[in-house]
Amino acid sequence: MSNKQIFSSGRTTGKAEEKASGFLDSASSAASNATESVKQTGSSARDMASGAAANIKNTATGAADAVKNTTAGAVDAVKSTTAGAVGNVKSTIGMTE
């Protein structure tokens, strides 16, 4: 093999190694970008789920408070109506307090 052939072979090998190294760098960069993207997507999904859970909790708490207040109001109305009815009955039959 002549010096020219050896030089040409070495240059071809060097170019192939350079291209392979470039491909590996590109693949590594793509994998790194994909990993970061997955992390960000997971973080965003977790944040959205946490926010949705807080909204549901707040809505449920508000609904429970509304039911409690409505029930308390209804109980007070029944007490008042009953007291008025008892008073009317007592008055009708001549009972006084």
N, C-alpha and C. Protein backbone atom coordinates (compact mmCIF):
# COMPACT_ATOMS: atom_id res chain seq x y z
N MET A 1 0.84 -1.16 0.00
CA MET A 1 0.00 0.00 0.00
C MET A 1 0.89 1.22 0.00
N SER A 2 0.60 2.19 -0.85
CA SER A 2 1.44 3.38 -0.97
C SER A 2 1.08 4.38 0.13
N ASN A 3 1.98 5.35 0.32
CA ASN A 3 1.73 6.40 1.32
C ASN A 3 0.47 7.18 0.99
N LYS A 4 0.22 7.40 -0.30
CA LYS A 4 -0.97 8.14 -0.72
C LYS A 4 -2.23 7.36 -0.34
N GLN A 5 -2.22 6.06 -0.55
CA GLN A 5 -3.37 5.23 -0.20
C GLN A 5 -3.58 5.21 1.32
N ILE A 6 -2.50 5.10 2.06
CA ILE A 6 -2.59 5.09 3.53
C ILE A 6 -3.15 6.43 4.02
N PHE A 7 -2.64 7.53 3.44
CA PHE A 7 -3.13 8.86 3.83
C PHE A 7 -4.61 9.00 3.52
N SER A 8 -5.01 8.57 2.32
CA SER A 8 -6.40 8.66 1.90
C SER A 8 -7.29 7.80 2.80
N SER A 9 -6.83 6.63 3.15
CA SER A 9 -7.58 5.74 4.03
C SER A 9 -7.72 6.37 5.42
N GLY A 10 -6.65 6.96 5.90
CA GLY A 10 -6.69 7.62 7.21
C GLY A 10 -7.64 8.80 7.20
N ARG A 11 -7.62 9.57 6.11
CA ARG A 11 -8.52 10.73 6.00
C ARG A 11 -9.97 10.27 5.96
N THR A 12 -10.26 9.21 5.23
CA THR A 12 -11.62 8.66 5.14
C THR A 12 -12.07 8.16 6.51
N THR A 13 -11.19 7.47 7.23
CA THR A 13 -11.51 6.97 8.57
C THR A 13 -11.77 8.15 9.50
N GLY A 14 -10.97 9.18 9.43
CA GLY A 14 -11.16 10.37 10.27
C GLY A 14 -12.49 11.05 9.99
N LYS A 15 -12.85 11.18 8.71
CA LYS A 15 -14.13 11.79 8.36
C LYS A 15 -15.29 10.95 8.89
N ALA A 16 -15.19 9.64 8.78
CA ALA A 16 -16.25 8.75 9.27
C ALA A 16 -16.38 8.88 10.78
N GLU A 17 -15.24 8.94 11.48
CA GLU A 17 -15.28 9.10 12.94
C GLU A 17 -15.88 10.46 13.32
N GLU A 18 -15.54 11.48 12.56
CA GLU A 18 -16.08 12.82 12.84
C GLU A 18 -17.61 12.84 12.63
N LYS A 19 -18.06 12.22 11.56
CA LYS A 19 -19.51 12.15 11.30
C LYS A 19 -20.21 11.34 12.40
N ALA A 20 -19.62 10.21 12.77
CA ALA A 20 -20.21 9.38 13.81
C ALA A 20 -20.29 10.15 15.12
N SER A 21 -19.24 10.89 15.43
CA SER A 21 -19.23 11.70 16.65
C SER A 21 -20.32 12.77 16.59
N GLY A 22 -20.48 13.38 15.43
CA GLY A 22 -21.53 14.39 15.25
C GLY A 22 -22.92 13.79 15.42
N PHE A 23 -23.12 12.60 14.86
CA PHE A 23 -24.41 11.91 15.02
C PHE A 23 -24.68 11.59 16.48
N LEU A 24 -23.65 11.11 17.19
CA LEU A 24 -23.81 10.78 18.61
C LEU A 24 -24.13 12.04 19.42
N ASP A 25 -23.45 13.14 19.11
CA ASP A 25 -23.74 14.40 19.81
C ASP A 25 -25.18 14.84 19.55
N SER A 26 -25.62 14.71 18.30
CA SER A 26 -27.00 15.08 17.96
C SER A 26 -28.00 14.19 18.69
N ALA A 27 -27.73 12.90 18.71
CA ALA A 27 -28.63 11.96 19.39
C ALA A 27 -28.66 12.24 20.89
N SER A 28 -27.52 12.52 21.46
CA SER A 28 -27.44 12.83 22.89
C SER A 28 -28.22 14.10 23.21
N SER A 29 -28.06 15.10 22.37
CA SER A 29 -28.78 16.37 22.55
C SER A 29 -30.29 16.16 22.43
N ALA A 30 -30.70 15.38 21.44
CA ALA A 30 -32.12 15.10 21.25
C ALA A 30 -32.69 14.35 22.45
N ALA A 31 -31.94 13.39 22.97
CA ALA A 31 -32.40 12.64 24.14
C ALA A 31 -32.51 13.55 25.36
N SER A 32 -31.54 14.42 25.52
CA SER A 32 -31.57 15.37 26.63
C SER A 32 -32.76 16.31 26.52
N ASN A 33 -33.01 16.82 25.32
CA ASN A 33 -34.17 17.70 25.10
C ASN A 33 -35.48 16.97 25.36
N ALA A 34 -35.57 15.72 24.93
CA ALA A 34 -36.78 14.94 25.14
C ALA A 34 -37.00 14.70 26.63
N THR A 35 -35.94 14.40 27.36
CA THR A 35 -36.04 14.18 28.81
C THR A 35 -36.53 15.44 29.50
N GLU A 36 -35.97 16.57 29.13
CA GLU A 36 -36.39 17.84 29.75
C GLU A 36 -37.84 18.15 29.42
N SER A 37 -38.24 17.87 28.20
CA SER A 37 -39.62 18.12 27.79
C SER A 37 -40.59 17.26 28.60
N VAL A 38 -40.24 16.00 28.80
CA VAL A 38 -41.08 15.09 29.58
C VAL A 38 -41.18 15.59 31.03
N LYS A 39 -40.06 16.05 31.58
CA LYS A 39 -40.07 16.57 32.95
C LYS A 39 -40.99 17.78 33.05
N GLN A 40 -40.90 18.68 32.09
CA GLN A 40 -41.73 19.89 32.11
C GLN A 40 -43.21 19.53 31.95
N THR A 41 -43.50 18.59 31.06
CA THR A 41 -44.89 18.17 30.86
C THR A 41 -45.43 17.53 32.13
N GLY A 42 -44.65 16.70 32.77
CA GLY A 42 -45.07 16.07 34.02
C GLY A 42 -45.31 17.09 35.10
N SER A 43 -44.42 18.06 35.19
CA SER A 43 -44.57 19.12 36.19
C SER A 43 -45.82 19.94 35.92
N SER A 44 -46.06 20.27 34.66
CA SER A 44 -47.27 21.03 34.30
C SER A 44 -48.53 20.25 34.62
N ALA A 45 -48.53 18.96 34.31
CA ALA A 45 -49.70 18.13 34.59
C ALA A 45 -49.95 18.04 36.09
N ARG A 46 -48.86 17.90 36.86
CA ARG A 46 -48.99 17.83 38.31
C ARG A 46 -49.55 19.13 38.86
N ASP A 47 -49.05 20.26 38.36
CA ASP A 47 -49.55 21.57 38.81
C ASP A 47 -51.03 21.74 38.46
N MET A 48 -51.42 21.32 37.25
CA MET A 48 -52.82 21.45 36.84
C MET A 48 -53.71 20.58 37.71
N ALA A 49 -53.27 19.36 38.00
CA ALA A 49 -54.07 18.46 38.83
C ALA A 49 -54.21 19.01 40.24
N SER A 50 -53.13 19.58 40.75
CA SER A 50 -53.17 20.16 42.10
C SER A 50 -54.13 21.34 42.14
N GLY A 51 -54.09 22.18 41.13
CA GLY A 51 -55.01 23.33 41.05
C GLY A 51 -56.45 22.88 40.92
N ALA A 52 -56.68 21.84 40.13
CA ALA A 52 -58.05 21.33 39.95
C ALA A 52 -58.56 20.75 41.27
N ALA A 53 -57.69 20.04 41.98
CA ALA A 53 -58.10 19.47 43.27
C ALA A 53 -58.46 20.56 44.27
N ALA A 54 -57.67 21.63 44.28
CA ALA A 54 -57.97 22.75 45.19
C ALA A 54 -59.30 23.40 44.82
N ASN A 55 -59.56 23.56 43.53
CA ASN A 55 -60.85 24.13 43.10
C ASN A 55 -62.02 23.25 43.51
N ILE A 56 -61.86 21.95 43.34
CA ILE A 56 -62.93 21.02 43.72
C ILE A 56 -63.17 21.09 45.22
N LYS A 57 -62.09 21.12 45.99
CA LYS A 57 -62.22 21.20 47.45
C LYS A 57 -62.94 22.49 47.86
N ASN A 58 -62.55 23.60 47.27
CA ASN A 58 -63.19 24.88 47.59
C ASN A 58 -64.67 24.89 47.21
N THR A 59 -64.98 24.32 46.06
CA THR A 59 -66.38 24.25 45.61
C THR A 59 -67.19 23.36 46.55
N ALA A 60 -66.64 22.23 46.94
CA ALA A 60 -67.35 21.32 47.84
C ALA A 60 -67.54 21.96 49.21
N THR A 61 -66.53 22.67 49.69
CA THR A 61 -66.65 23.36 50.98
C THR A 61 -67.74 24.42 50.91
N GLY A 62 -67.77 25.17 49.83
CA GLY A 62 -68.80 26.19 49.65
C GLY A 62 -70.19 25.58 49.59
N ALA A 63 -70.32 24.47 48.90
CA ALA A 63 -71.62 23.80 48.80
C ALA A 63 -72.06 23.27 50.17
N ALA A 64 -71.12 22.70 50.92
CA ALA A 64 -71.46 22.18 52.25
C ALA A 64 -71.90 23.32 53.16
N ASP A 65 -71.20 24.44 53.10
CA ASP A 65 -71.59 25.61 53.91
C ASP A 65 -72.96 26.11 53.52
N ALA A 66 -73.26 26.14 52.24
CA ALA A 66 -74.58 26.60 51.78
C ALA A 66 -75.69 25.68 52.29
N VAL A 67 -75.45 24.37 52.24
CA VAL A 67 -76.45 23.42 52.74
C VAL A 67 -76.63 23.61 54.25
N LYS A 68 -75.52 23.78 54.96
CA LYS A 68 -75.59 23.97 56.40
C LYS A 68 -76.39 25.23 56.74
N ASN A 69 -76.12 26.31 56.04
CA ASN A 69 -76.83 27.57 56.30
C ASN A 69 -78.32 27.45 55.94
N THR A 70 -78.61 26.79 54.83
CA THR A 70 -80.01 26.61 54.42
C THR A 70 -80.75 25.75 55.45
N THR A 71 -80.12 24.69 55.90
CA THR A 71 -80.73 23.82 56.90
C THR A 71 -80.97 24.56 58.20
N ALA A 72 -79.98 25.34 58.63
CA ALA A 72 -80.14 26.12 59.87
C ALA A 72 -81.30 27.11 59.72
N GLY A 73 -81.41 27.73 58.57
CA GLY A 73 -82.51 28.67 58.32
C GLY A 73 -83.85 27.96 58.33
N ALA A 74 -83.90 26.77 57.75
CA ALA A 74 -85.15 26.01 57.73
C ALA A 74 -85.54 25.58 59.14
N VAL A 75 -84.56 25.16 59.94
CA VAL A 75 -84.85 24.76 61.32
C VAL A 75 -85.39 25.95 62.10
N ASP A 76 -84.76 27.12 61.93
CA ASP A 76 -85.25 28.32 62.62
C ASP A 76 -86.66 28.67 62.18
N ALA A 77 -86.96 28.52 60.89
CA ALA A 77 -88.31 28.82 60.39
C ALA A 77 -89.33 27.86 60.97
N VAL A 78 -88.98 26.58 61.08
CA VAL A 78 -89.89 25.58 61.65
C VAL A 78 -90.13 25.89 63.13
N LYS A 79 -89.06 26.25 63.85
CA LYS A 79 -89.21 26.59 65.27
C LYS A 79 -90.14 27.78 65.44
N SER A 80 -89.93 28.79 64.63
CA SER A 80 -90.73 30.00 64.72
C SER A 80 -92.20 29.72 64.39
N THR A 81 -92.41 28.95 63.32
CA THR A 81 -93.78 28.61 62.93
C THR A 81 -94.45 27.76 64.00
N THR A 82 -93.73 26.82 64.56
CA THR A 82 -94.27 25.96 65.61
C THR A 82 -94.61 26.79 66.85
N ALA A 83 -93.72 27.68 67.22
CA ALA A 83 -93.98 28.53 68.39
C ALA A 83 -95.22 29.39 68.16
N GLY A 84 -95.35 29.92 66.97
CA GLY A 84 -96.53 30.73 66.64
C GLY A 84 -97.80 29.91 66.67
N ALA A 85 -97.73 28.69 66.15
CA ALA A 85 -98.90 27.80 66.14
C ALA A 85 -99.29 27.42 67.55
N VAL A 86 -98.30 27.11 68.38
CA VAL A 86 -98.57 26.76 69.77
C VAL A 86 -99.23 27.94 70.48
N GLY A 87 -98.70 29.12 70.23
CA GLY A 87 -99.29 30.32 70.83
C GLY A 87 -100.72 30.52 70.39
N ASN A 88 -100.99 30.29 69.11
CA ASN A 88 -102.36 30.44 68.59
C ASN A 88 -103.30 29.41 69.22
N VAL A 89 -102.83 28.18 69.34
CA VAL A 89 -103.66 27.13 69.95
C VAL A 89 -103.96 27.49 71.41
N LYS A 90 -102.94 27.89 72.14
CA LYS A 90 -103.13 28.26 73.54
C LYS A 90 -104.13 29.42 73.66
N SER A 91 -103.99 30.38 72.78
CA SER A 91 -104.89 31.54 72.80
C SER A 91 -106.31 31.11 72.49
N THR A 92 -106.44 30.20 71.52
CA THR A 92 -107.78 29.74 71.12
C THR A 92 -108.48 29.00 72.24
N ILE A 93 -107.75 28.18 72.97
CA ILE A 93 -108.40 27.39 74.01
C ILE A 93 -108.35 28.10 75.36
N GLY A 94 -107.83 29.31 75.37
CA GLY A 94 -107.85 30.12 76.59
C GLY A 94 -106.71 29.88 77.53
N MET A 95 -105.66 29.29 77.06
CA MET A 95 -104.48 29.11 77.91
C MET A 95 -103.57 30.30 77.71
N THR A 96 -103.09 30.82 78.78
CA THR A 96 -102.15 31.93 78.67
C THR A 96 -100.83 31.52 79.31
N GLU A 97 -99.82 32.20 78.90
CA GLU A 97 -98.50 31.87 79.42
C GLU A 97 -98.20 32.62 80.67
